[in-house]
Amino acid sequence: MDFPAIIPPLARRGRLAVTERELTTWGEALGRAAHPPLLLTLAGDLGSGKTTLARAICRGYGVADQVTSPTFALVHEYSSPRSPVLHVDLYRLRGEEDLTNLGWDELVSAHALVLVEWPERAGTRLPADHAPITLQHIPDDPDRRLLYAGGHMSSASIERQ
């Protein structure tokens, strides 16, 4: 299968161990290559680098504002010359039933770059056409994370390099 260059080789079957700097560089490249509408899900334990990656993606996408974690606000919207960016954090949600009050259907169908942290909280309401990214701590190596990216990313949403 032919993957866009932005996706690490063997991402469907493998992983890439990255430092924070490498994660940031990769995220900025992903942001530069992304085209709306695009839903990226960022999964991983607390402190795994989800918000760091979201900041880098936003920077690459052209967001000039400071990107912060939307844990308490649930949704932050940023401006970019290319489209709005919606940064969603589902950590505080109890489950799918809380998504309706959040305006979930409108968020995930917007002509925007949508970044969703803690996507597992969306359950069955997570659209099938999204690009999953997972970050994982590496035991005995606190300076690096495992990056799993790709899966079923729409080729129309990521430009081929």
N, C-alpha and C. Protein backbone atom coordinates (compact mmCIF):
# COMPACT_ATOMS: atom_id res chain seq x y z
N MET A 1 0.84 -1.18 0.00
CA MET A 1 0.00 0.00 0.00
C MET A 1 0.88 1.24 0.00
N ASP A 2 0.50 2.25 -0.75
CA ASP A 2 1.26 3.49 -0.89
C ASP A 2 0.81 4.49 0.17
N PHE A 3 1.72 4.91 1.06
CA PHE A 3 1.40 5.88 2.11
C PHE A 3 1.94 7.24 1.72
N PRO A 4 1.21 8.31 2.09
CA PRO A 4 1.78 9.64 1.89
C PRO A 4 3.09 9.74 2.67
N ALA A 5 4.01 10.56 2.20
CA ALA A 5 5.34 10.67 2.80
C ALA A 5 5.30 11.14 4.24
N ILE A 6 4.26 11.85 4.65
CA ILE A 6 4.20 12.38 6.01
C ILE A 6 3.98 11.28 7.03
N ILE A 7 3.46 10.15 6.62
CA ILE A 7 3.20 9.05 7.54
C ILE A 7 4.45 8.19 7.64
N PRO A 8 4.90 7.92 8.86
CA PRO A 8 6.11 7.11 9.01
C PRO A 8 5.96 5.77 8.30
N PRO A 9 7.02 5.27 7.64
CA PRO A 9 6.95 3.97 6.97
C PRO A 9 6.51 2.90 7.96
N LEU A 10 5.71 1.99 7.50
CA LEU A 10 5.21 0.87 8.28
C LEU A 10 4.31 1.30 9.44
N ALA A 11 3.74 2.50 9.35
CA ALA A 11 2.91 3.00 10.46
C ALA A 11 1.72 2.10 10.75
N ARG A 12 1.20 1.44 9.75
CA ARG A 12 0.06 0.56 9.99
C ARG A 12 0.47 -0.65 10.83
N ARG A 13 1.72 -1.03 10.71
CA ARG A 13 2.17 -2.23 11.40
C ARG A 13 3.26 -1.95 12.43
N GLY A 14 3.71 -0.73 12.48
CA GLY A 14 4.87 -0.44 13.32
C GLY A 14 4.73 0.82 14.11
N ARG A 15 5.87 1.28 14.56
CA ARG A 15 5.90 2.47 15.40
C ARG A 15 7.24 3.17 15.20
N LEU A 16 7.29 4.38 15.67
CA LEU A 16 8.48 5.19 15.54
C LEU A 16 8.76 5.80 16.92
N ALA A 17 9.95 5.59 17.46
CA ALA A 17 10.33 6.18 18.74
C ALA A 17 10.92 7.55 18.46
N VAL A 18 10.35 8.58 19.10
CA VAL A 18 10.77 9.95 18.81
C VAL A 18 11.03 10.73 20.10
N THR A 19 11.96 11.68 20.00
CA THR A 19 12.17 12.64 21.08
C THR A 19 11.10 13.73 20.95
N GLU A 20 11.02 14.61 21.93
CA GLU A 20 10.05 15.70 21.85
C GLU A 20 10.35 16.59 20.65
N ARG A 21 11.62 16.85 20.41
CA ARG A 21 11.99 17.68 19.24
C ARG A 21 11.58 17.01 17.93
N GLU A 22 11.81 15.71 17.82
CA GLU A 22 11.42 14.98 16.61
C GLU A 22 9.90 14.95 16.46
N LEU A 23 9.19 14.79 17.57
CA LEU A 23 7.73 14.80 17.53
C LEU A 23 7.22 16.16 17.05
N THR A 24 7.84 17.22 17.54
CA THR A 24 7.45 18.57 17.14
C THR A 24 7.73 18.79 15.65
N THR A 25 8.87 18.38 15.19
CA THR A 25 9.21 18.52 13.77
C THR A 25 8.24 17.75 12.91
N TRP A 26 7.92 16.52 13.31
CA TRP A 26 6.97 15.68 12.57
C TRP A 26 5.59 16.33 12.57
N GLY A 27 5.16 16.85 13.73
CA GLY A 27 3.86 17.49 13.82
C GLY A 27 3.75 18.73 12.95
N GLU A 28 4.80 19.53 12.90
CA GLU A 28 4.80 20.72 12.04
C GLU A 28 4.69 20.31 10.57
N ALA A 29 5.40 19.26 10.18
CA ALA A 29 5.31 18.77 8.79
C ALA A 29 3.91 18.26 8.49
N LEU A 30 3.31 17.57 9.43
CA LEU A 30 1.93 17.10 9.25
C LEU A 30 1.00 18.29 9.09
N GLY A 31 1.16 19.30 9.91
CA GLY A 31 0.33 20.51 9.79
C GLY A 31 0.48 21.18 8.44
N ARG A 32 1.69 21.26 7.92
CA ARG A 32 1.92 21.86 6.60
C ARG A 32 1.26 21.04 5.50
N ALA A 33 1.21 19.73 5.66
CA ALA A 33 0.68 18.84 4.61
C ALA A 33 -0.83 18.66 4.69
N ALA A 34 -1.44 19.01 5.80
CA ALA A 34 -2.87 18.75 6.01
C ALA A 34 -3.75 19.70 5.19
N HIS A 35 -4.91 19.17 4.77
CA HIS A 35 -5.91 19.95 4.06
C HIS A 35 -7.27 19.68 4.69
N PRO A 36 -8.06 20.74 4.90
CA PRO A 36 -9.39 20.52 5.49
C PRO A 36 -10.36 19.94 4.45
N PRO A 37 -11.37 19.28 4.87
CA PRO A 37 -11.63 18.88 6.25
C PRO A 37 -10.77 17.68 6.63
N LEU A 38 -10.24 17.71 7.83
CA LEU A 38 -9.41 16.62 8.33
C LEU A 38 -9.62 16.49 9.83
N LEU A 39 -9.92 15.29 10.27
CA LEU A 39 -10.07 14.98 11.69
C LEU A 39 -8.90 14.10 12.11
N LEU A 40 -8.07 14.63 13.00
CA LEU A 40 -6.94 13.90 13.56
C LEU A 40 -7.25 13.57 15.00
N THR A 41 -7.12 12.31 15.39
CA THR A 41 -7.32 11.94 16.78
C THR A 41 -5.96 11.71 17.42
N LEU A 42 -5.80 12.23 18.63
CA LEU A 42 -4.55 12.15 19.36
C LEU A 42 -4.80 11.38 20.66
N ALA A 43 -4.40 10.13 20.68
CA ALA A 43 -4.63 9.26 21.84
C ALA A 43 -3.32 9.04 22.58
N GLY A 44 -3.43 8.73 23.86
CA GLY A 44 -2.25 8.43 24.68
C GLY A 44 -2.51 8.78 26.12
N ASP A 45 -1.68 8.24 26.99
CA ASP A 45 -1.81 8.49 28.42
C ASP A 45 -1.49 9.95 28.75
N LEU A 46 -1.81 10.35 29.97
CA LEU A 46 -1.44 11.67 30.46
C LEU A 46 0.07 11.87 30.31
N GLY A 47 0.45 13.01 29.78
CA GLY A 47 1.86 13.33 29.66
C GLY A 47 2.58 12.67 28.51
N SER A 48 1.84 12.05 27.61
CA SER A 48 2.49 11.36 26.49
C SER A 48 2.87 12.29 25.34
N GLY A 49 2.34 13.52 25.34
CA GLY A 49 2.73 14.48 24.30
C GLY A 49 1.61 14.89 23.36
N LYS A 50 0.37 14.59 23.70
CA LYS A 50 -0.74 14.93 22.81
C LYS A 50 -0.85 16.44 22.56
N THR A 51 -0.78 17.23 23.61
CA THR A 51 -0.90 18.68 23.44
C THR A 51 0.34 19.25 22.77
N THR A 52 1.50 18.71 23.07
CA THR A 52 2.74 19.12 22.37
C THR A 52 2.59 18.88 20.88
N LEU A 53 2.07 17.72 20.52
CA LEU A 53 1.86 17.41 19.10
C LEU A 53 0.80 18.34 18.50
N ALA A 54 -0.28 18.59 19.22
CA ALA A 54 -1.32 19.49 18.72
C ALA A 54 -0.75 20.88 18.45
N ARG A 55 0.10 21.38 19.35
CA ARG A 55 0.74 22.69 19.14
C ARG A 55 1.56 22.69 17.86
N ALA A 56 2.33 21.64 17.66
CA ALA A 56 3.20 21.55 16.48
C ALA A 56 2.37 21.48 15.20
N ILE A 57 1.31 20.68 15.20
CA ILE A 57 0.44 20.58 14.02
C ILE A 57 -0.15 21.95 13.71
N CYS A 58 -0.64 22.63 14.74
CA CYS A 58 -1.22 23.97 14.54
C CYS A 58 -0.19 24.94 13.98
N ARG A 59 1.01 24.92 14.51
CA ARG A 59 2.07 25.81 14.01
C ARG A 59 2.33 25.53 12.53
N GLY A 60 2.44 24.27 12.16
CA GLY A 60 2.65 23.92 10.76
C GLY A 60 1.48 24.29 9.87
N TYR A 61 0.30 24.31 10.44
CA TYR A 61 -0.92 24.64 9.70
C TYR A 61 -1.12 26.14 9.53
N GLY A 62 -0.32 26.93 10.26
CA GLY A 62 -0.38 28.37 10.12
C GLY A 62 -1.07 29.11 11.26
N VAL A 63 -1.33 28.44 12.36
CA VAL A 63 -1.93 29.10 13.52
C VAL A 63 -0.87 29.96 14.20
N ALA A 64 -1.16 31.25 14.36
CA ALA A 64 -0.21 32.17 14.99
C ALA A 64 -0.44 32.30 16.49
N ASP A 65 -1.65 31.99 16.94
CA ASP A 65 -1.98 32.11 18.36
C ASP A 65 -1.27 31.05 19.18
N GLN A 66 -1.17 31.31 20.49
CA GLN A 66 -0.62 30.32 21.41
C GLN A 66 -1.66 29.21 21.57
N VAL A 67 -1.25 27.98 21.35
CA VAL A 67 -2.14 26.83 21.47
C VAL A 67 -1.99 26.25 22.86
N THR A 68 -3.12 26.14 23.57
CA THR A 68 -3.11 25.61 24.92
C THR A 68 -4.07 24.42 25.00
N SER A 69 -3.93 23.67 26.05
CA SER A 69 -4.79 22.50 26.25
C SER A 69 -6.22 22.94 26.51
N PRO A 70 -7.18 22.37 25.81
CA PRO A 70 -8.58 22.72 26.05
C PRO A 70 -9.26 21.84 27.11
N THR A 71 -8.49 21.30 28.05
CA THR A 71 -9.05 20.37 29.03
C THR A 71 -10.25 20.95 29.76
N PHE A 72 -10.19 22.20 30.18
CA PHE A 72 -11.30 22.77 30.94
C PHE A 72 -12.33 23.44 30.06
N ALA A 73 -11.92 24.02 28.94
CA ALA A 73 -12.86 24.66 28.02
C ALA A 73 -13.51 23.63 27.10
N LEU A 74 -12.89 22.48 26.94
CA LEU A 74 -13.29 21.38 26.06
C LEU A 74 -12.99 21.64 24.59
N VAL A 75 -13.21 22.87 24.10
CA VAL A 75 -12.94 23.18 22.69
C VAL A 75 -12.27 24.54 22.60
N HIS A 76 -11.16 24.60 21.88
CA HIS A 76 -10.54 25.87 21.52
C HIS A 76 -10.59 25.98 20.00
N GLU A 77 -10.91 27.17 19.52
CA GLU A 77 -10.90 27.41 18.08
C GLU A 77 -9.80 28.41 17.76
N TYR A 78 -9.02 28.08 16.74
CA TYR A 78 -7.92 28.93 16.31
C TYR A 78 -8.12 29.30 14.85
N SER A 79 -7.58 30.44 14.47
CA SER A 79 -7.64 30.89 13.08
C SER A 79 -6.37 30.51 12.36
N SER A 80 -6.54 30.16 11.10
CA SER A 80 -5.42 29.88 10.21
C SER A 80 -5.83 30.40 8.84
N PRO A 81 -4.88 30.81 8.01
CA PRO A 81 -5.24 31.26 6.67
C PRO A 81 -5.93 30.17 5.84
N ARG A 82 -5.76 28.91 6.25
CA ARG A 82 -6.28 27.79 5.46
C ARG A 82 -7.68 27.37 5.86
N SER A 83 -7.99 27.42 7.14
CA SER A 83 -9.32 27.08 7.66
C SER A 83 -9.26 27.24 9.17
N PRO A 84 -10.41 27.20 9.83
CA PRO A 84 -10.35 27.17 11.29
C PRO A 84 -9.71 25.88 11.77
N VAL A 85 -9.17 25.93 12.99
CA VAL A 85 -8.66 24.74 13.66
C VAL A 85 -9.48 24.58 14.93
N LEU A 86 -10.05 23.41 15.13
CA LEU A 86 -10.82 23.10 16.33
C LEU A 86 -10.03 22.08 17.13
N HIS A 87 -9.64 22.46 18.34
CA HIS A 87 -8.85 21.60 19.21
C HIS A 87 -9.78 21.16 20.34
N VAL A 88 -10.08 19.88 20.38
CA VAL A 88 -11.09 19.34 21.30
C VAL A 88 -10.41 18.39 22.28
N ASP A 89 -10.77 18.50 23.55
CA ASP A 89 -10.25 17.60 24.57
C ASP A 89 -11.44 16.92 25.25
N LEU A 90 -11.54 15.62 25.11
CA LEU A 90 -12.68 14.87 25.65
C LEU A 90 -12.37 14.24 27.00
N TYR A 91 -11.25 14.57 27.61
CA TYR A 91 -10.82 13.93 28.86
C TYR A 91 -11.88 14.00 29.95
N ARG A 92 -12.53 15.12 30.11
CA ARG A 92 -13.48 15.31 31.20
C ARG A 92 -14.87 14.74 30.91
N LEU A 93 -15.09 14.25 29.70
CA LEU A 93 -16.39 13.68 29.39
C LEU A 93 -16.53 12.29 29.99
N ARG A 94 -17.74 11.97 30.40
CA ARG A 94 -18.01 10.65 30.97
C ARG A 94 -18.22 9.61 29.89
N GLY A 95 -18.65 10.05 28.73
CA GLY A 95 -18.90 9.10 27.65
C GLY A 95 -19.61 9.76 26.49
N GLU A 96 -20.07 8.94 25.56
CA GLU A 96 -20.69 9.42 24.33
C GLU A 96 -21.86 10.36 24.57
N GLU A 97 -22.62 10.11 25.63
CA GLU A 97 -23.82 10.92 25.89
C GLU A 97 -23.48 12.39 26.11
N ASP A 98 -22.26 12.71 26.54
CA ASP A 98 -21.86 14.10 26.76
C ASP A 98 -21.52 14.83 25.46
N LEU A 99 -21.36 14.11 24.37
CA LEU A 99 -20.94 14.72 23.11
C LEU A 99 -22.01 15.63 22.51
N THR A 100 -23.28 15.31 22.72
CA THR A 100 -24.35 16.11 22.14
C THR A 100 -24.30 17.54 22.64
N ASN A 101 -24.12 17.73 23.95
CA ASN A 101 -24.05 19.08 24.53
C ASN A 101 -22.81 19.84 24.06
N LEU A 102 -21.82 19.13 23.60
CA LEU A 102 -20.58 19.73 23.11
C LEU A 102 -20.72 20.22 21.67
N GLY A 103 -21.80 19.80 20.98
CA GLY A 103 -21.95 20.12 19.57
C GLY A 103 -21.07 19.24 18.69
N TRP A 104 -20.89 18.00 19.11
CA TRP A 104 -19.98 17.05 18.48
C TRP A 104 -20.20 16.90 16.99
N ASP A 105 -21.45 16.70 16.58
CA ASP A 105 -21.72 16.45 15.16
C ASP A 105 -21.28 17.63 14.30
N GLU A 106 -21.49 18.84 14.78
CA GLU A 106 -21.06 20.03 14.04
C GLU A 106 -19.54 20.14 14.02
N LEU A 107 -18.90 19.83 15.15
CA LEU A 107 -17.44 19.89 15.22
C LEU A 107 -16.78 18.96 14.22
N VAL A 108 -17.19 17.70 14.21
CA VAL A 108 -16.50 16.72 13.37
C VAL A 108 -16.88 16.82 11.90
N SER A 109 -17.92 17.58 11.58
CA SER A 109 -18.29 17.75 10.18
C SER A 109 -17.90 19.12 9.64
N ALA A 110 -17.23 19.93 10.45
CA ALA A 110 -16.83 21.27 10.02
C ALA A 110 -15.75 21.19 8.94
N HIS A 111 -15.75 22.20 8.05
CA HIS A 111 -14.68 22.30 7.06
C HIS A 111 -13.49 22.96 7.79
N ALA A 112 -12.76 22.13 8.53
CA ALA A 112 -11.70 22.63 9.41
C ALA A 112 -10.70 21.51 9.64
N LEU A 113 -9.60 21.88 10.27
CA LEU A 113 -8.69 20.90 10.83
C LEU A 113 -9.18 20.68 12.26
N VAL A 114 -9.56 19.45 12.58
CA VAL A 114 -10.10 19.12 13.89
C VAL A 114 -9.13 18.16 14.58
N LEU A 115 -8.64 18.58 15.75
CA LEU A 115 -7.73 17.77 16.56
C LEU A 115 -8.48 17.32 17.80
N VAL A 116 -8.58 16.02 18.02
CA VAL A 116 -9.34 15.50 19.15
C VAL A 116 -8.41 14.71 20.07
N GLU A 117 -8.22 15.23 21.29
CA GLU A 117 -7.48 14.50 22.31
C GLU A 117 -8.46 13.62 23.09
N TRP A 118 -8.00 12.47 23.54
CA TRP A 118 -8.82 11.47 24.25
C TRP A 118 -9.99 11.00 23.38
N PRO A 119 -9.74 10.60 22.13
CA PRO A 119 -10.83 10.23 21.23
C PRO A 119 -11.61 8.99 21.68
N GLU A 120 -11.02 8.16 22.51
CA GLU A 120 -11.72 6.96 22.96
C GLU A 120 -13.00 7.31 23.72
N ARG A 121 -13.08 8.53 24.27
CA ARG A 121 -14.28 8.96 25.00
C ARG A 121 -15.45 9.21 24.05
N ALA A 122 -15.18 9.32 22.74
CA ALA A 122 -16.25 9.52 21.76
C ALA A 122 -16.94 8.21 21.41
N GLY A 123 -16.31 7.09 21.72
CA GLY A 123 -16.92 5.78 21.47
C GLY A 123 -17.35 5.60 20.03
N THR A 124 -18.58 5.18 19.84
CA THR A 124 -19.09 4.89 18.51
C THR A 124 -19.41 6.14 17.71
N ARG A 125 -19.34 7.30 18.34
CA ARG A 125 -19.64 8.55 17.62
C ARG A 125 -18.41 9.15 16.96
N LEU A 126 -17.28 8.48 17.07
CA LEU A 126 -16.07 8.92 16.37
C LEU A 126 -16.22 8.52 14.91
N PRO A 127 -16.17 9.49 13.98
CA PRO A 127 -16.32 9.16 12.56
C PRO A 127 -15.25 8.18 12.08
N ALA A 128 -15.65 7.29 11.19
CA ALA A 128 -14.71 6.29 10.66
C ALA A 128 -13.60 6.95 9.84
N ASP A 129 -13.90 8.05 9.18
CA ASP A 129 -12.92 8.71 8.32
C ASP A 129 -12.12 9.73 9.13
N HIS A 130 -11.22 9.23 9.97
CA HIS A 130 -10.34 10.09 10.73
C HIS A 130 -8.93 9.52 10.65
N ALA A 131 -7.98 10.33 11.02
CA ALA A 131 -6.58 9.90 11.00
C ALA A 131 -6.13 9.70 12.45
N PRO A 132 -5.92 8.44 12.85
CA PRO A 132 -5.53 8.18 14.23
C PRO A 132 -4.04 8.33 14.48
N ILE A 133 -3.72 8.98 15.59
CA ILE A 133 -2.34 9.11 16.04
C ILE A 133 -2.33 8.72 17.51
N THR A 134 -1.40 7.86 17.89
CA THR A 134 -1.29 7.44 19.28
C THR A 134 0.14 7.66 19.75
N LEU A 135 0.26 8.21 20.95
CA LEU A 135 1.56 8.40 21.60
C LEU A 135 1.60 7.53 22.85
N GLN A 136 2.75 6.93 23.08
CA GLN A 136 2.87 6.02 24.21
C GLN A 136 4.22 6.20 24.88
N HIS A 137 4.21 6.19 26.22
CA HIS A 137 5.45 6.24 26.98
C HIS A 137 6.28 4.99 26.69
N ILE A 138 7.60 5.14 26.72
CA ILE A 138 8.51 4.01 26.57
C ILE A 138 9.10 3.72 27.95
N PRO A 139 8.86 2.52 28.48
CA PRO A 139 9.44 2.21 29.79
C PRO A 139 10.96 2.37 29.75
N ASP A 140 11.51 2.96 30.78
CA ASP A 140 12.96 3.15 30.92
C ASP A 140 13.55 4.13 29.92
N ASP A 141 12.73 4.90 29.20
CA ASP A 141 13.24 5.91 28.28
C ASP A 141 12.31 7.13 28.32
N PRO A 142 12.43 7.96 29.36
CA PRO A 142 11.50 9.08 29.53
C PRO A 142 11.68 10.19 28.49
N ASP A 143 12.74 10.16 27.71
CA ASP A 143 12.99 11.22 26.73
C ASP A 143 12.36 10.94 25.37
N ARG A 144 11.79 9.76 25.18
CA ARG A 144 11.20 9.43 23.88
C ARG A 144 9.79 8.87 24.08
N ARG A 145 9.01 8.96 22.99
CA ARG A 145 7.66 8.40 22.95
C ARG A 145 7.55 7.52 21.71
N LEU A 146 6.68 6.54 21.80
CA LEU A 146 6.34 5.78 20.60
C LEU A 146 5.24 6.53 19.88
N LEU A 147 5.40 6.70 18.58
CA LEU A 147 4.44 7.40 17.73
C LEU A 147 3.85 6.37 16.77
N TYR A 148 2.56 6.18 16.88
CA TYR A 148 1.82 5.34 15.93
C TYR A 148 0.97 6.30 15.11
N ALA A 149 1.08 6.28 13.81
CA ALA A 149 0.32 7.23 12.98
C ALA A 149 -0.16 6.55 11.72
N GLY A 150 -1.30 7.03 11.26
CA GLY A 150 -1.81 6.54 9.98
C GLY A 150 -3.04 5.71 10.16
N GLY A 151 -3.00 4.51 9.65
CA GLY A 151 -4.18 3.67 9.71
C GLY A 151 -5.02 3.89 8.49
N HIS A 152 -6.12 4.60 8.65
CA HIS A 152 -7.05 4.79 7.55
C HIS A 152 -7.18 6.25 7.14
N MET A 153 -6.06 6.95 7.08
CA MET A 153 -6.05 8.36 6.71
C MET A 153 -6.48 8.53 5.26
N SER A 154 -7.37 9.46 5.03
CA SER A 154 -7.85 9.75 3.69
C SER A 154 -6.74 10.40 2.86
N SER A 155 -6.46 9.83 1.71
CA SER A 155 -5.39 10.38 0.87
C SER A 155 -5.74 11.76 0.34
N ALA A 156 -7.03 12.12 0.29
CA ALA A 156 -7.42 13.44 -0.18
C ALA A 156 -7.09 14.51 0.86
N SER A 157 -6.95 14.12 2.11
CA SER A 157 -6.72 15.09 3.17
C SER A 157 -5.25 15.37 3.44
N ILE A 158 -4.37 14.51 2.97
CA ILE A 158 -2.94 14.71 3.15
C ILE A 158 -2.30 14.74 1.76
N GLU A 159 -1.58 15.81 1.49
CA GLU A 159 -0.96 15.90 0.17
C GLU A 159 0.22 14.93 0.08
N ARG A 160 0.40 14.37 -1.08
CA ARG A 160 1.54 13.46 -1.32
C ARG A 160 2.76 14.31 -1.57
N GLN A 161 3.85 13.92 -0.93
CA GLN A 161 5.09 14.69 -1.08
C GLN A 161 6.09 13.91 -1.90
